[in-house]
PDB file of N, CA and C in Angstrom:
ATOM      1  N   MET A   1      13.304 -57.897  24.014  1.00  0.00           N
ATOM      2  CA  MET A   1      13.999 -57.345  25.044  1.00  0.00           C
ATOM      3  C   MET A   1      14.870 -58.888  25.405  1.00  0.00           C
ATOM      4  N   SER A   2      15.617 -58.321  26.284  1.00  0.00           N
ATOM      5  CA  SER A   2      16.660 -59.398  26.362  1.00  0.00           C
ATOM      6  C   SER A   2      16.018 -59.964  27.766  1.00  0.00           C
ATOM      7  N   ASN A   3      16.604 -61.150  27.793  1.00  0.00           N
ATOM      8  CA  ASN A   3      16.536 -62.350  29.076  1.00  0.00           C
ATOM      9  C   ASN A   3      16.642 -61.327  30.462  1.00  0.00           C
ATOM     10  N   GLN A   4      17.472 -60.469  30.373  1.00  0.00           N
ATOM     11  CA  GLN A   4      18.302 -59.876  31.829  1.00  0.00           C
ATOM     12  C   GLN A   4      16.555 -58.634  32.102  1.00  0.00           C
ATOM     13  N   GLU A   5      16.611 -58.051  30.489  1.00  0.00           N
ATOM     14  CA  GLU A   5      15.298 -57.409  30.933  1.00  0.00           C
ATOM     15  C   GLU A   5      14.059 -57.906  31.449  1.00  0.00           C
ATOM     16  N   ILE A   6      13.658 -59.228  30.840  1.00  0.00           N
ATOM     17  CA  ILE A   6      12.703 -59.635  31.465  1.00  0.00           C
ATOM     18  C   ILE A   6      12.733 -60.425  32.773  1.00  0.00           C
ATOM     19  N   ILE A   7      13.530 -60.800  33.154  1.00  0.00           N
ATOM     20  CA  ILE A   7      14.170 -60.880  34.627  1.00  0.00           C
ATOM     21  C   ILE A   7      14.081 -59.833  35.789  1.00  0.00           C
ATOM     22  N   GLU A   8      14.562 -58.579  35.066  1.00  0.00           N
ATOM     23  CA  GLU A   8      14.047 -57.122  36.256  1.00  0.00           C
ATOM     24  C   GLU A   8      12.966 -57.182  36.157  1.00  0.00           C
ATOM     25  N   LYS A   9      11.929 -56.767  34.708  1.00  0.00           N
ATOM     26  CA  LYS A   9      10.791 -56.661  34.817  1.00  0.00           C
ATOM     27  C   LYS A   9       9.889 -57.275  35.979  1.00  0.00           C
ATOM     28  N   ILE A  10      10.262 -58.595  36.104  1.00  0.00           N
ATOM     29  CA  ILE A  10       9.678 -59.450  36.642  1.00  0.00           C
ATOM     30  C   ILE A  10       9.993 -59.395  38.313  1.00  0.00           C
ATOM     31  N   ASN A  11      11.343 -58.873  38.377  1.00  0.00           N
ATOM     32  CA  ASN A  11      11.458 -58.610  40.158  1.00  0.00           C
ATOM     33  C   ASN A  11      10.780 -57.270  40.268  1.00  0.00           C
ATOM     34  N   GLY A  12      10.774 -56.362  39.572  1.00  0.00           N
ATOM     35  CA  GLY A  12       9.955 -55.347  39.653  1.00  0.00           C
ATOM     36  C   GLY A  12       8.552 -55.169  40.367  1.00  0.00           C
ATOM     37  N   PHE A  13       7.806 -56.066  39.242  1.00  0.00           N
ATOM     38  CA  PHE A  13       6.456 -55.993  39.472  1.00  0.00           C
ATOM     39  C   PHE A  13       6.141 -56.991  40.910  1.00  0.00           C
ATOM     40  N   LEU A  14       6.886 -58.197  40.937  1.00  0.00           N
ATOM     41  CA  LEU A  14       6.788 -58.796  42.187  1.00  0.00           C
ATOM     42  C   LEU A  14       7.000 -57.740  43.443  1.00  0.00           C
ATOM     43  N   VAL A  15       8.130 -57.003  43.356  1.00  0.00           N
ATOM     44  CA  VAL A  15       8.482 -56.038  44.721  1.00  0.00           C
ATOM     45  C   VAL A  15       7.360 -55.038  44.611  1.00  0.00           C
ATOM     46  N   ASP A  16       6.662 -54.548  43.625  1.00  0.00           N
ATOM     47  CA  ASP A  16       5.536 -53.584  43.403  1.00  0.00           C
ATOM     48  C   ASP A  16       4.320 -54.151  44.127  1.00  0.00           C
ATOM     49  N   GLU A  17       3.917 -55.187  43.513  1.00  0.00           N
ATOM     50  CA  GLU A  17       2.897 -55.881  43.500  1.00  0.00           C
ATOM     51  C   GLU A  17       2.449 -56.882  45.114  1.00  0.00           C
ATOM     52  N   PHE A  18       3.340 -57.578  45.107  1.00  0.00           N
ATOM     53  CA  PHE A  18       3.665 -58.589  46.544  1.00  0.00           C
ATOM     54  C   PHE A  18       4.187 -58.467  47.196  1.00  0.00           C
ATOM     55  N   GLU A  19       4.908 -56.813  47.247  1.00  0.00           N
ATOM     56  CA  GLU A  19       5.307 -56.185  48.589  1.00  0.00           C
ATOM     57  C   GLU A  19       6.858 -57.106  49.026  1.00  0.00           C
ATOM     58  N   ALA A  20       7.419 -57.712  47.718  1.00  0.00           N
ATOM     59  CA  ALA A  20       8.493 -58.869  48.185  1.00  0.00           C
ATOM     60  C   ALA A  20       9.867 -57.976  48.550  1.00  0.00           C
ATOM     61  N   ASP A  21      10.296 -58.579  49.288  1.00  0.00           N
ATOM     62  CA  ASP A  21      11.770 -58.069  49.316  1.00  0.00           C
ATOM     63  C   ASP A  21      12.729 -58.282  48.366  1.00  0.00           C
ATOM     64  N   ILE A  22      13.267 -57.476  47.457  1.00  0.00           N
ATOM     65  CA  ILE A  22      14.304 -57.731  46.670  1.00  0.00           C
ATOM     66  C   ILE A  22      15.537 -58.828  46.675  1.00  0.00           C
ATOM     67  N   ASN A  23      15.685 -59.024  47.941  1.00  0.00           N
ATOM     68  CA  ASN A  23      17.488 -59.393  48.556  1.00  0.00           C
ATOM     69  C   ASN A  23      16.981 -60.778  48.758  1.00  0.00           C
ATOM     70  N   LEU A  24      15.375 -61.076  48.890  1.00  0.00           N
ATOM     71  CA  LEU A  24      15.040 -62.611  48.901  1.00  0.00           C
ATOM     72  C   LEU A  24      15.084 -63.260  47.636  1.00  0.00           C
ATOM     73  N   ILE A  25      14.675 -62.342  46.871  1.00  0.00           N
ATOM     74  CA  ILE A  25      14.389 -62.870  44.976  1.00  0.00           C
ATOM     75  C   ILE A  25      15.844 -63.147  44.736  1.00  0.00           C
ATOM     76  N   THR A  26      15.808 -64.570  44.761  1.00  0.00           N
ATOM     77  CA  THR A  26      17.258 -65.212  43.839  1.00  0.00           C
ATOM     78  C   THR A  26      16.498 -66.221  43.146  1.00  0.00           C
ATOM     79  N   PRO A  27      17.466 -66.654  42.513  1.00  0.00           N
ATOM     80  CA  PRO A  27      16.782 -67.541  41.459  1.00  0.00           C
ATOM     81  C   PRO A  27      16.558 -68.935  42.249  1.00  0.00           C
ATOM     82  N   GLU A  28      17.117 -69.581  43.339  1.00  0.00           N
ATOM     83  CA  GLU A  28      17.203 -71.167  44.154  1.00  0.00           C
ATOM     84  C   GLU A  28      15.987 -70.829  44.751  1.00  0.00           C
ATOM     85  N   ALA A  29      15.556 -69.815  45.110  1.00  0.00           N
ATOM     86  CA  ALA A  29      14.388 -69.784  46.619  1.00  0.00           C
ATOM     87  C   ALA A  29      13.270 -69.957  45.458  1.00  0.00           C
ATOM     88  N   SER A  30      12.294 -69.980  47.190  1.00  0.00           N
ATOM     89  CA  SER A  30      10.953 -70.797  46.237  1.00  0.00           C
ATOM     90  C   SER A  30      10.188 -69.322  46.129  1.00  0.00           C
ATOM     91  N   LEU A  31       9.504 -69.482  44.854  1.00  0.00           N
ATOM     92  CA  LEU A  31       8.442 -68.098  44.712  1.00  0.00           C
ATOM     93  C   LEU A  31       7.289 -68.493  45.468  1.00  0.00           C
ATOM     94  N   LYS A  32       6.777 -69.700  46.030  1.00  0.00           N
ATOM     95  CA  LYS A  32       5.262 -69.494  46.701  1.00  0.00           C
ATOM     96  C   LYS A  32       5.857 -69.055  47.937  1.00  0.00           C
ATOM     97  N   GLU A  33       6.715 -69.742  48.892  1.00  0.00           N
ATOM     98  CA  GLU A  33       7.234 -69.294  50.251  1.00  0.00           C
ATOM     99  C   GLU A  33       7.477 -67.783  50.133  1.00  0.00           C
ATOM    100  N   THR A  34       8.463 -67.467  49.561  1.00  0.00           N
ATOM    101  CA  THR A  34       8.885 -65.925  49.628  1.00  0.00           C
ATOM    102  C   THR A  34       8.095 -65.353  49.155  1.00  0.00           C
ATOM    103  N   LEU A  35       7.301 -65.232  48.385  1.00  0.00           N
ATOM    104  CA  LEU A  35       6.038 -64.385  48.131  1.00  0.00           C
ATOM    105  C   LEU A  35       4.635 -64.476  48.943  1.00  0.00           C
ATOM    106  N   ASP A  36       5.244 -65.598  49.529  1.00  0.00           N
ATOM    107  CA  ASP A  36       3.988 -66.034  50.733  1.00  0.00           C
ATOM    108  C   ASP A  36       2.798 -66.116  50.043  1.00  0.00           C
ATOM    109  N   LEU A  37       2.939 -66.932  48.691  1.00  0.00           N
ATOM    110  CA  LEU A  37       1.529 -66.721  47.799  1.00  0.00           C
ATOM    111  C   LEU A  37       0.224 -67.958  48.430  1.00  0.00           C
ATOM    112  N   ASP A  38      -0.744 -67.320  48.110  1.00  0.00           N
ATOM    113  CA  ASP A  38      -1.889 -68.435  48.077  1.00  0.00           C
ATOM    114  C   ASP A  38      -2.404 -68.371  46.913  1.00  0.00           C
ATOM    115  N   SER A  39      -3.882 -68.757  46.601  1.00  0.00           N
ATOM    116  CA  SER A  39      -4.740 -69.089  45.723  1.00  0.00           C
ATOM    117  C   SER A  39      -5.033 -67.844  45.303  1.00  0.00           C
ATOM    118  N   LEU A  40      -5.255 -66.902  46.109  1.00  0.00           N
ATOM    119  CA  LEU A  40      -5.907 -65.848  45.444  1.00  0.00           C
ATOM    120  C   LEU A  40      -4.749 -64.778  44.644  1.00  0.00           C
ATOM    121  N   ASP A  41      -3.486 -64.896  45.649  1.00  0.00           N
ATOM    122  CA  ASP A  41      -2.308 -64.086  44.985  1.00  0.00           C
ATOM    123  C   ASP A  41      -1.829 -64.859  43.166  1.00  0.00           C
ATOM    124  N   PHE A  42      -2.269 -66.377  43.357  1.00  0.00           N
ATOM    125  CA  PHE A  42      -1.653 -67.025  42.034  1.00  0.00           C
ATOM    126  C   PHE A  42      -2.773 -65.856  41.184  1.00  0.00           C
ATOM    127  N   VAL A  43      -4.124 -66.116  40.875  1.00  0.00           N
ATOM    128  CA  VAL A  43      -5.038 -65.106  40.077  1.00  0.00           C
ATOM    129  C   VAL A  43      -4.591 -63.914  40.000  1.00  0.00           C
ATOM    130  N   ASP A  44      -3.932 -63.106  41.195  1.00  0.00           N
ATOM    131  CA  ASP A  44      -3.205 -62.052  41.085  1.00  0.00           C
ATOM    132  C   ASP A  44      -2.161 -61.875  39.822  1.00  0.00           C
ATOM    133  N   LEU A  45      -1.099 -62.891  40.456  1.00  0.00           N
ATOM    134  CA  LEU A  45       0.262 -63.183  39.509  1.00  0.00           C
ATOM    135  C   LEU A  45      -0.487 -63.260  37.810  1.00  0.00           C
ATOM    136  N   VAL A  46      -1.576 -64.052  37.653  1.00  0.00           N
ATOM    137  CA  VAL A  46      -1.579 -64.056  36.142  1.00  0.00           C
ATOM    138  C   VAL A  46      -2.277 -62.467  35.508  1.00  0.00           C
ATOM    139  N   VAL A  47      -2.837 -62.272  36.367  1.00  0.00           N
ATOM    140  CA  VAL A  47      -3.324 -60.607  35.964  1.00  0.00           C
ATOM    141  C   VAL A  47      -2.099 -59.765  35.414  1.00  0.00           C
ATOM    142  N   VAL A  48      -1.225 -59.694  36.877  1.00  0.00           N
ATOM    143  CA  VAL A  48       0.459 -59.121  36.917  1.00  0.00           C
ATOM    144  C   VAL A  48       1.000 -59.449  35.357  1.00  0.00           C
ATOM    145  N   ILE A  49       0.975 -60.492  35.199  1.00  0.00           N
ATOM    146  CA  ILE A  49       2.111 -60.969  34.337  1.00  0.00           C
ATOM    147  C   ILE A  49       0.759 -60.878  32.371  1.00  0.00           C
ATOM    148  N   GLU A  50       0.099 -60.869  32.586  1.00  0.00           N
ATOM    149  CA  GLU A  50      -0.809 -60.627  31.335  1.00  0.00           C
ATOM    150  C   GLU A  50      -0.561 -58.795  31.198  1.00  0.00           C
ATOM    151  N   ASN A  51      -0.775 -58.186  32.240  1.00  0.00           N
ATOM    152  CA  ASN A  51      -0.813 -56.738  31.638  1.00  0.00           C
ATOM    153  C   ASN A  51       0.856 -56.423  31.779  1.00  0.00           C
ATOM    154  N   ASN A  52       1.812 -57.029  31.738  1.00  0.00           N
ATOM    155  CA  ASN A  52       3.399 -56.743  31.782  1.00  0.00           C
ATOM    156  C   ASN A  52       4.252 -57.489  30.587  1.00  0.00           C
ATOM    157  N   PHE A  53       3.090 -58.670  30.416  1.00  0.00           N
ATOM    158  CA  PHE A  53       3.971 -59.262  28.677  1.00  0.00           C
ATOM    159  C   PHE A  53       2.848 -59.708  27.974  1.00  0.00           C
ATOM    160  N   GLY A  54       1.710 -59.152  27.808  1.00  0.00           N
ATOM    161  CA  GLY A  54       0.971 -59.057  27.207  1.00  0.00           C
ATOM    162  C   GLY A  54       0.542 -61.030  26.469  1.00  0.00           C
ATOM    163  N   PHE A  55       0.501 -61.882  27.159  1.00  0.00           N
ATOM    164  CA  PHE A  55      -0.015 -63.083  27.478  1.00  0.00           C
ATOM    165  C   PHE A  55      -0.835 -64.048  28.506  1.00  0.00           C
ATOM    166  N   LYS A  56      -1.511 -64.699  28.184  1.00  0.00           N
ATOM    167  CA  LYS A  56      -2.913 -65.138  29.299  1.00  0.00           C
ATOM    168  C   LYS A  56      -2.166 -66.583  29.894  1.00  0.00           C
ATOM    169  N   ALA A  57      -1.758 -66.598  31.268  1.00  0.00           N
ATOM    170  CA  ALA A  57      -1.033 -67.889  31.871  1.00  0.00           C
ATOM    171  C   ALA A  57      -2.404 -68.034  32.666  1.00  0.00           C
ATOM    172  N   LYS A  58      -2.236 -69.970  32.618  1.00  0.00           N
ATOM    173  CA  LYS A  58      -3.198 -70.415  33.221  1.00  0.00           C
ATOM    174  C   LYS A  58      -2.840 -70.961  34.466  1.00  0.00           C
ATOM    175  N   GLY A  59      -3.331 -71.672  35.229  1.00  0.00           N
ATOM    176  CA  GLY A  59      -3.207 -72.160  36.288  1.00  0.00           C
ATOM    177  C   GLY A  59      -2.107 -73.130  36.400  1.00  0.00           C
ATOM    178  N   GLU A  60      -2.487 -74.233  35.601  1.00  0.00           N
ATOM    179  CA  GLU A  60      -1.567 -75.333  35.271  1.00  0.00           C
ATOM    180  C   GLU A  60      -0.473 -75.171  34.955  1.00  0.00           C
ATOM    181  N   ASP A  61      -0.489 -73.723  34.109  1.00  0.00           N
ATOM    182  CA  ASP A  61       1.531 -73.340  34.053  1.00  0.00           C
ATOM    183  C   ASP A  61       2.047 -73.081  35.487  1.00  0.00           C
ATOM    184  N   PHE A  62       1.672 -73.130  36.365  1.00  0.00           N
ATOM    185  CA  PHE A  62       2.249 -72.959  37.338  1.00  0.00           C
ATOM    186  C   PHE A  62       2.753 -74.349  38.380  1.00  0.00           C
ATOM    187  N   VAL A  63       2.159 -75.236  37.837  1.00  0.00           N
ATOM    188  CA  VAL A  63       2.101 -76.660  38.606  1.00  0.00           C
ATOM    189  C   VAL A  63       3.516 -76.973  39.133  1.00  0.00           C
ATOM    190  N   ASN A  64       4.274 -76.514  37.755  1.00  0.00           N
ATOM    191  CA  ASN A  64       5.970 -77.284  37.914  1.00  0.00           C
ATOM    192  C   ASN A  64       6.753 -75.878  38.029  1.00  0.00           C
ATOM    193  N   ILE A  65       6.474 -74.782  38.336  1.00  0.00           N
ATOM    194  CA  ILE A  65       7.214 -73.505  38.735  1.00  0.00           C
ATOM    195  C   ILE A  65       7.175 -73.515  40.263  1.00  0.00           C
ATOM    196  N   LYS A  66       8.684 -73.995  40.736  1.00  0.00           N
ATOM    197  CA  LYS A  66       8.825 -74.145  42.013  1.00  0.00           C
ATOM    198  C   LYS A  66       9.908 -72.614  42.544  1.00  0.00           C
ATOM    199  N   THR A  67      10.932 -72.582  41.524  1.00  0.00           N
ATOM    200  CA  THR A  67      11.301 -71.158  42.162  1.00  0.00           C
ATOM    201  C   THR A  67      11.298 -70.217  41.584  1.00  0.00           C
ATOM    202  N   PHE A  68      12.281 -69.222  41.424  1.00  0.00           N
ATOM    203  CA  PHE A  68      12.279 -67.885  40.873  1.00  0.00           C
ATOM    204  C   PHE A  68      12.547 -68.265  39.406  1.00  0.00           C
ATOM    205  N   GLN A  69      13.663 -69.174  39.258  1.00  0.00           N
ATOM    206  CA  GLN A  69      14.106 -69.454  38.424  1.00  0.00           C
ATOM    207  C   GLN A  69      13.500 -70.026  37.338  1.00  0.00           C
ATOM    208  N   ASP A  70      12.744 -71.069  37.955  1.00  0.00           N
ATOM    209  CA  ASP A  70      11.574 -71.978  36.639  1.00  0.00           C
ATOM    210  C   ASP A  70      10.188 -70.538  36.516  1.00  0.00           C
ATOM    211  N   PHE A  71      10.361 -69.682  37.386  1.00  0.00           N
ATOM    212  CA  PHE A  71       9.326 -68.426  36.987  1.00  0.00           C
ATOM    213  C   PHE A  71       9.839 -67.839  35.753  1.00  0.00           C
ATOM    214  N   TYR A  72      11.071 -67.388  36.069  1.00  0.00           N
ATOM    215  CA  TYR A  72      11.658 -66.528  34.940  1.00  0.00           C
ATOM    216  C   TYR A  72      11.798 -67.501  33.506  1.00  0.00           C
ATOM    217  N   ASP A  73      12.288 -68.785  33.474  1.00  0.00           N
ATOM    218  CA  ASP A  73      12.333 -69.620  32.655  1.00  0.00           C
ATOM    219  C   ASP A  73      11.059 -69.452  32.044  1.00  0.00           C
ATOM    220  N   TYR A  74      10.006 -69.552  32.618  1.00  0.00           N
ATOM    221  CA  TYR A  74       8.404 -69.873  31.922  1.00  0.00           C
ATOM    222  C   TYR A  74       7.975 -68.356  30.978  1.00  0.00           C
ATOM    223  N   ILE A  75       8.478 -67.220  32.156  1.00  0.00           N
ATOM    224  CA  ILE A  75       8.045 -66.216  31.429  1.00  0.00           C
ATOM    225  C   ILE A  75       9.173 -66.002  29.914  1.00  0.00           C
ATOM    226  N   ILE A  76       9.989 -66.298  30.140  1.00  0.00           N
ATOM    227  CA  ILE A  76      11.197 -65.747  28.819  1.00  0.00           C
ATOM    228  C   ILE A  76      10.562 -66.815  27.530  1.00  0.00           C
ATOM    229  N   GLN A  77      10.262 -68.254  28.020  1.00  0.00           N
ATOM    230  CA  GLN A  77       9.660 -69.037  26.932  1.00  0.00           C
ATOM    231  C   GLN A  77       8.579 -68.400  26.345  1.00  0.00           C
ATOM    232  N   ARG A  78       7.775 -68.374  26.933  1.00  0.00           N
ATOM    233  CA  ARG A  78       6.540 -67.406  26.572  1.00  0.00           C
ATOM    234  C   ARG A  78       6.858 -66.318  25.601  1.00  0.00           C
ATOM    235  N   VAL A  79       7.927 -65.299  26.222  1.00  0.00           N
ATOM    236  CA  VAL A  79       7.486 -64.213  25.355  1.00  0.00           C
ATOM    237  C   VAL A  79       8.268 -64.164  24.405  1.00  0.00           C
ATOM    238  N   ASN A  80       9.111 -65.530  24.032  1.00  0.00           N
ATOM    239  CA  ASN A  80       9.868 -65.458  22.928  1.00  0.00           C
ATOM    240  C   ASN A  80       9.424 -66.461  22.143  1.00  0.00           C
ATOM    241  N   GLN A  81       7.544 -67.177  22.318  1.00  0.00           N
ATOM    242  CA  GLN A  81       6.837 -67.916  21.446  1.00  0.00           C
ATOM    243  C   GLN A  81       6.677 -66.940  20.566  1.00  0.00           C
ATOM    244  N   PRO A  82       6.503 -67.765  18.736  1.00  0.00           N
ATOM    245  CA  PRO A  82       6.443 -67.052  17.722  1.00  0.00           C
ATOM    246  C   PRO A  82       4.694 -66.714  18.084  1.00  0.00           C
ATOM    247  N   ALA A  83       4.132 -65.993  17.794  1.00  0.00           N
ATOM    248  CA  ALA A  83       2.469 -65.883  17.736  1.00  0.00           C
ATOM    249  C   ALA A  83       1.714 -66.780  17.368  1.00  0.00           C
TER     250      ALA A  83
END
């Protein structure tokens, strides 16, 4: 799966699961503020990541994720990690 395909998949589930406006999802935008995420939403996000990409994210993984680009980079890195 290419990086662009991963980003498109991420944007698709963010729009579906979090009712996000696709026009507000830009690499430099704040993930938390744009999606209006609270602590329960982060739990949902972990489940959605696992369902879509097959790995389990941990809460501490999100400490340094501020923007959508940070989120994309995190997912891409995890997807491309050797098993």
